[in-house]
Amino acid sequence: MSRPIPIEEMVRLFKSRHTTSHLFKIDNFSLLKKYGIEKVESSVFDLAGHKWTLSVYPNGHKSAKGTHVSIFLMNQVSVNVLLTYKLFVVSQLERKWHSKSKDQFDTNPEPSTEGFYEFISLADLKRNGYLIGDCCMFGVKFYEIEPANPGTAECFSLIEKPLNHKVTWMMSKFSSFNPGKAHQSNEFVVGTRKWRIEVHPRGYDEEKDKSFSVYLSAEGFVKNAPNTKTYASFKLRVLDQVSWNHAERAGTEWFDVEPEQSGFADFMPLGKLDEPYLVKDKLYVGVEFEVISTTNYC
């Protein structure tokens, strides 16, 4: 199956025709299953005078696991009026969408979630034009509210081996680094996010004076990128400068919007922090991203 018009034009037309909607486009849909990602969340968006997120379970949630796609709408601030909405997935072959009947989001002072476990079967998603080119488009539309101009849309994607996926930090004059403090690399960009490598030369927390600790630190975002959770599958490593038999540990994390770290307090015993890793007072610490999520407005 092929689309009658390019996907970019489809998104533009949808936003112009549905001005009280938010579109959540997911690219590389098959990679979600490959990497065992159970849930994908949108960024926080504004509609109907409130802030929301959409959550999509590409392989279903709870009783719908393995048979359907599940989708939910969550308010981020208190809702003080009754709002009518509809969740949908857009056909890429014709001007229609699959949805359940209109529903109402009740007034609620606390964050709450409403939606459908059995929103659309995985079989119907694939055979009826909703999943083409490994891309699908979910969303929400509100009724009886002032329209935006136009509607809003974002694109979530998993990217394997992203640009700049290998970064190495050369720690020259390693003996001059204060062993009791944390030290960070310069900031670098992978995907739509800024990162740093952090080390604790004499260990961190319970590994103090036992291990060399290494972490990946998620920082801010590149200009104009939505601030949303970031998935990363990565390897942290200390380079073997003699035989290239590097010391490495693999990690997987959903990094929060706020700065957050993931890594290993017990990355390697202090007794091993010598040749072939530490040579002529130089140590090389690196990270390799196997896959990373990106979110952009579209």
Protein backbone atom coordinates (compact mmCIF):
# COMPACT_ATOMS: atom_id res chain seq x y z
CA MET A 1 0.00 0.00 0.00
CA SER A 2 1.17 3.51 -0.77
CA ARG A 3 -0.16 6.88 0.29
CA PRO A 4 -1.97 9.08 -2.26
CA ILE A 5 -0.05 12.14 -1.02
CA PRO A 6 3.23 12.55 0.95
CA ILE A 7 2.93 12.12 4.70
CA GLU A 8 4.12 15.70 5.33
CA GLU A 9 1.26 17.07 3.23
CA MET A 10 -1.16 14.73 4.98
CA VAL A 11 -0.13 16.11 8.38
CA ARG A 12 -0.41 19.72 7.15
CA LEU A 13 -3.90 19.17 5.75
CA PHE A 14 -5.04 17.36 8.88
CA LYS A 15 -3.94 20.22 11.12
CA SER A 16 -5.73 22.77 8.93
CA ARG A 17 -8.98 20.77 8.87
CA HIS A 18 -9.03 19.70 12.53
CA THR A 19 -8.10 22.79 14.49
CA THR A 20 -9.15 21.42 17.89
CA SER A 21 -6.97 18.32 17.60
CA HIS A 22 -3.47 17.10 18.48
CA LEU A 23 -1.82 14.57 16.19
CA PHE A 24 0.71 12.08 17.57
CA LYS A 25 2.66 10.59 14.65
CA ILE A 26 4.84 7.55 15.37
CA ASP A 27 7.59 6.61 12.91
CA ASN A 28 9.57 3.35 12.88
CA PHE A 29 6.62 1.68 14.59
CA SER A 30 8.13 -1.82 14.28
CA LEU A 31 11.17 -0.81 16.35
CA LEU A 32 8.93 -0.38 19.40
CA LYS A 33 8.35 -4.13 19.47
CA LYS A 34 11.99 -4.88 18.62
CA TYR A 35 13.20 -2.98 21.68
CA GLY A 36 10.38 -4.10 23.96
CA ILE A 37 8.91 -0.62 24.45
CA GLU A 38 5.50 -1.06 26.03
CA LYS A 39 4.36 2.57 26.11
CA VAL A 40 5.05 5.75 24.16
CA GLU A 41 4.06 9.14 25.59
CA SER A 42 3.53 12.40 23.76
CA SER A 43 4.91 15.68 24.99
CA VAL A 44 2.60 17.91 27.05
CA PHE A 45 0.28 19.83 24.70
CA ASP A 46 -2.37 22.54 25.18
CA LEU A 47 -5.95 22.02 24.05
CA ALA A 48 -9.31 23.14 25.41
CA GLY A 49 -7.54 25.44 27.87
CA HIS A 50 -5.81 22.53 29.62
CA LYS A 51 -2.59 20.52 29.38
CA TRP A 52 -2.59 16.89 28.25
CA THR A 53 -0.50 13.90 27.19
CA LEU A 54 -1.36 10.93 25.02
CA SER A 55 -0.10 7.43 25.83
CA VAL A 56 0.00 4.72 23.17
CA TYR A 57 0.67 1.06 23.96
CA PRO A 58 1.74 -0.32 20.54
CA ASN A 59 1.26 -3.95 21.59
CA GLY A 60 -1.67 -3.40 23.92
CA HIS A 61 -2.01 -2.93 27.67
CA LYS A 62 -3.15 -5.44 30.30
CA SER A 63 -6.04 -7.53 28.88
CA ALA A 64 -5.39 -6.22 25.35
CA LYS A 65 -1.71 -7.18 25.31
CA GLY A 66 -0.69 -8.85 22.07
CA THR A 67 -3.99 -8.26 20.26
CA HIS A 68 -4.76 -4.52 20.19
CA VAL A 69 -3.27 -1.05 20.37
CA SER A 70 -4.29 0.75 23.59
CA ILE A 71 -4.52 4.54 23.82
CA PHE A 72 -5.16 6.90 26.74
CA LEU A 73 -5.56 10.62 27.38
CA MET A 74 -4.22 12.10 30.62
CA ASN A 75 -4.77 15.57 32.05
CA GLN A 76 -1.67 17.26 33.47
CA VAL A 77 -3.52 19.94 35.47
CA SER A 78 -6.96 20.03 37.08
CA VAL A 79 -9.95 19.92 34.72
CA ASN A 80 -12.77 22.15 35.94
CA VAL A 81 -15.27 21.71 33.08
CA LEU A 82 -16.83 18.73 31.31
CA LEU A 83 -15.01 18.22 27.99
CA THR A 84 -16.12 16.13 25.02
CA TYR A 85 -13.34 14.41 23.08
CA LYS A 86 -12.59 11.59 20.66
CA LEU A 87 -9.42 9.49 20.34
CA PHE A 88 -8.50 8.37 16.82
CA VAL A 89 -5.99 6.80 14.44
CA VAL A 90 -5.83 8.30 10.94
CA SER A 91 -6.13 6.37 7.68
CA GLN A 92 -3.28 7.12 5.29
CA LEU A 93 -5.28 5.94 2.26
CA GLU A 94 -8.42 8.07 2.48
CA ARG A 95 -9.96 10.88 4.49
CA LYS A 96 -11.24 8.89 7.45
CA TRP A 97 -10.15 7.79 10.88
CA HIS A 98 -10.84 4.92 13.22
CA SER A 99 -12.25 5.96 16.58
CA LYS A 100 -14.59 4.98 19.34
CA SER A 101 -17.68 7.07 20.11
CA LYS A 102 -17.30 10.52 21.63
CA ASP A 103 -16.52 10.47 25.32
CA GLN A 104 -16.45 13.01 28.14
CA PHE A 105 -13.50 13.87 30.33
CA ASP A 106 -14.97 14.49 33.77
CA THR A 107 -13.98 17.34 36.03
CA ASN A 108 -11.04 16.24 38.14
CA PRO A 109 -8.63 18.18 40.38
CA GLU A 110 -5.96 15.46 40.03
CA PRO A 111 -4.28 13.89 36.99
CA SER A 112 -6.45 11.08 35.66
CA THR A 113 -6.45 8.81 32.62
CA GLU A 114 -9.24 7.93 30.22
CA GLY A 115 -9.11 5.85 27.06
CA PHE A 116 -9.38 2.37 25.58
CA TYR A 117 -7.55 -0.90 26.10
CA GLU A 118 -8.94 -2.44 22.89
CA PHE A 119 -8.77 0.68 20.72
CA ILE A 120 -7.90 -1.02 17.42
CA SER A 121 -6.74 -4.56 16.72
CA LEU A 122 -3.18 -4.99 15.51
CA ALA A 123 -4.54 -6.83 12.48
CA ASP A 124 -6.83 -3.92 11.49
CA LEU A 125 -4.06 -1.42 12.09
CA LYS A 126 -1.87 -3.18 9.53
CA ARG A 127 -4.37 -4.14 6.87
CA ASN A 128 -6.69 -1.12 6.70
CA GLY A 129 -4.27 1.66 5.84
CA TYR A 130 -3.53 2.97 9.31
CA LEU A 131 0.07 1.66 9.33
CA ILE A 132 1.98 2.46 6.12
CA GLY A 133 5.71 2.83 5.70
CA ASP A 134 6.16 1.84 9.36
CA CYS A 135 4.30 5.03 10.36
CA CYS A 136 0.94 5.60 12.04
CA MET A 137 -0.87 8.68 13.34
CA PHE A 138 -2.91 8.73 16.55
CA GLY A 139 -4.53 11.73 18.15
CA VAL A 140 -7.28 13.41 20.11
CA LYS A 141 -9.95 15.90 19.06
CA PHE A 142 -11.99 18.08 21.41
CA TYR A 143 -15.49 19.30 20.60
CA GLU A 144 -17.39 22.48 21.46
CA ILE A 145 -14.24 24.50 22.20
CA GLU A 146 -12.55 27.47 20.55
CA PRO A 147 -10.42 26.25 17.63
CA ALA A 148 -6.66 26.58 17.51
CA ASN A 149 -5.05 27.84 14.33
CA PRO A 150 -4.13 25.30 13.11
CA GLY A 151 -4.24 22.06 15.12
CA THR A 152 -0.98 20.78 16.60
CA ALA A 153 1.15 17.75 15.77
CA GLU A 154 4.33 16.01 16.91
CA CYS A 155 6.40 13.12 15.61
CA PHE A 156 7.94 10.43 17.82
CA SER A 157 10.59 8.16 16.37
CA LEU A 158 13.13 5.56 17.45
CA ILE A 159 16.45 5.95 15.65
CA GLU A 160 19.06 3.22 15.52
CA LYS A 161 22.71 4.31 15.49
CA PRO A 162 21.82 8.03 15.48
CA LEU A 163 24.19 10.72 14.25
CA ASN A 164 27.07 11.15 16.68
CA HIS A 165 26.12 7.86 18.37
CA LYS A 166 29.68 7.26 19.60
CA VAL A 167 31.25 9.83 21.93
CA THR A 168 34.60 9.46 23.70
CA TRP A 169 35.91 11.67 26.50
CA MET A 170 39.69 11.83 26.82
CA MET A 171 40.63 12.47 30.45
CA SER A 172 44.20 13.79 30.20
CA LYS A 173 46.27 14.10 33.38
CA PHE A 174 43.86 11.76 35.10
CA SER A 175 45.83 11.95 38.34
CA SER A 176 44.95 15.66 38.59
CA PHE A 177 41.19 14.96 38.87
CA ASN A 178 39.97 15.19 42.45
CA PRO A 179 39.20 11.53 43.27
CA GLY A 180 36.49 12.40 45.77
CA LYS A 181 34.36 14.48 43.39
CA ALA A 182 32.19 13.86 40.35
CA HIS A 183 33.55 15.01 36.98
CA GLN A 184 31.61 15.61 33.77
CA SER A 185 32.55 15.69 30.10
CA ASN A 186 31.69 18.58 27.84
CA GLU A 187 28.08 18.65 26.69
CA PHE A 188 27.26 16.84 23.43
CA VAL A 189 24.08 16.36 21.38
CA VAL A 190 22.57 13.06 20.28
CA GLY A 191 19.04 13.06 18.89
CA THR A 192 17.19 16.10 20.19
CA ARG A 193 18.81 16.02 23.61
CA LYS A 194 22.00 17.23 25.28
CA TRP A 195 24.13 14.76 27.24
CA ARG A 196 27.23 14.42 29.39
CA ILE A 197 29.31 11.53 30.68
CA GLU A 198 29.92 11.62 34.43
CA VAL A 199 32.57 9.71 36.38
CA HIS A 200 33.40 9.27 40.05
CA PRO A 201 37.09 8.27 40.17
CA ARG A 202 36.84 6.75 43.67
CA GLY A 203 33.31 5.42 43.34
CA TYR A 204 29.85 6.67 44.25
CA ASP A 205 27.43 5.82 47.04
CA GLU A 206 27.90 2.24 48.29
CA GLU A 207 30.80 1.74 45.85
CA LYS A 208 32.86 4.51 47.45
CA ASP A 209 36.53 3.43 47.54
CA LYS A 210 35.60 0.20 45.76
CA SER A 211 34.78 1.01 42.12
CA PHE A 212 35.18 3.46 39.28
CA SER A 213 31.63 4.76 38.68
CA VAL A 214 30.37 5.85 35.25
CA TYR A 215 27.04 7.45 34.30
CA LEU A 216 25.23 8.87 31.29
CA SER A 217 23.54 12.17 32.15
CA ALA A 218 20.57 13.49 30.16
CA GLU A 219 20.53 17.29 30.23
CA GLY A 220 18.41 19.80 28.30
CA PHE A 221 17.02 19.79 24.75
CA VAL A 222 18.02 21.34 21.46
CA LYS A 223 16.24 24.51 20.39
CA ASN A 224 12.55 24.11 19.44
CA ALA A 225 12.41 20.43 20.40
CA PRO A 226 9.53 19.33 22.66
CA ASN A 227 10.61 18.59 26.21
CA THR A 228 9.56 15.01 26.69
CA LYS A 229 10.88 11.72 28.05
CA THR A 230 13.74 10.24 26.06
CA TYR A 231 14.38 6.53 25.55
CA ALA A 232 17.98 5.38 25.12
CA SER A 233 19.68 2.01 24.81
CA PHE A 234 23.40 2.57 25.27
CA LYS A 235 26.78 1.17 26.27
CA LEU A 236 29.16 2.92 28.63
CA ARG A 237 32.80 1.94 28.27
CA VAL A 238 36.34 2.55 29.43
CA LEU A 239 38.72 1.99 26.52
CA ASP A 240 41.48 -0.57 26.56
CA GLN A 241 44.37 1.37 24.97
CA VAL A 242 46.51 -1.71 24.30
CA SER A 243 44.40 -4.60 23.00
CA TRP A 244 41.02 -2.81 22.52
CA ASN A 245 39.30 -5.25 24.85
CA HIS A 246 37.21 -2.47 26.34
CA ALA A 247 35.41 -2.62 29.67
CA GLU A 248 31.74 -1.90 28.97
CA ARG A 249 28.28 -2.12 30.49
CA ALA A 250 24.93 -1.85 28.67
CA GLY A 251 21.99 0.18 29.92
CA THR A 252 18.43 1.05 28.93
CA GLU A 253 16.50 4.00 30.32
CA TRP A 254 13.54 6.33 29.82
CA PHE A 255 15.15 9.62 30.84
CA ASP A 256 12.81 12.15 32.39
CA VAL A 257 12.33 15.70 31.09
CA GLU A 258 14.35 17.01 34.02
CA PRO A 259 18.08 16.18 34.10
CA GLU A 260 18.55 12.52 35.03
CA GLN A 261 21.36 9.98 35.14
CA SER A 262 21.66 6.29 34.43
CA GLY A 263 24.76 4.17 34.82
CA PHE A 264 26.79 2.00 37.14
CA ALA A 265 28.28 2.78 40.54
CA ASP A 266 30.17 -0.53 40.26
CA PHE A 267 31.29 -0.01 36.66
CA MET A 268 34.74 -1.51 37.31
CA PRO A 269 36.84 -2.32 40.38
CA LEU A 270 39.40 0.31 41.34
CA GLY A 271 42.07 -2.37 41.20
CA LYS A 272 41.59 -2.63 37.42
CA LEU A 273 41.98 1.12 36.85
CA ASP A 274 45.49 0.81 35.50
CA GLU A 275 47.06 -0.42 32.27
CA PRO A 276 45.69 -1.22 29.74
CA TYR A 277 42.93 1.30 30.55
CA LEU A 278 44.97 4.02 32.20
CA VAL A 279 48.09 4.67 30.13
CA LYS A 280 50.49 7.61 30.52
CA ASP A 281 47.98 9.31 32.84
CA LYS A 282 45.25 9.24 30.16
CA LEU A 283 41.87 7.54 30.45
CA TYR A 284 39.26 7.31 27.69
CA VAL A 285 35.61 7.00 28.77
CA GLY A 286 32.89 6.68 26.14
CA VAL A 287 29.27 6.04 25.35
CA GLU A 288 27.65 4.40 22.34
CA PHE A 289 23.93 4.84 21.65
CA GLU A 290 22.33 1.78 20.09
CA VAL A 291 18.94 3.46 19.74
CA ILE A 292 17.41 6.72 20.93
CA SER A 293 13.96 8.31 20.78
CA THR A 294 13.39 11.74 19.28
CA THR A 295 10.33 13.97 19.31
CA ASN A 296 9.81 16.92 16.96
CA TYR A 297 6.92 19.20 16.13
CA CYS A 298 5.56 18.53 12.65
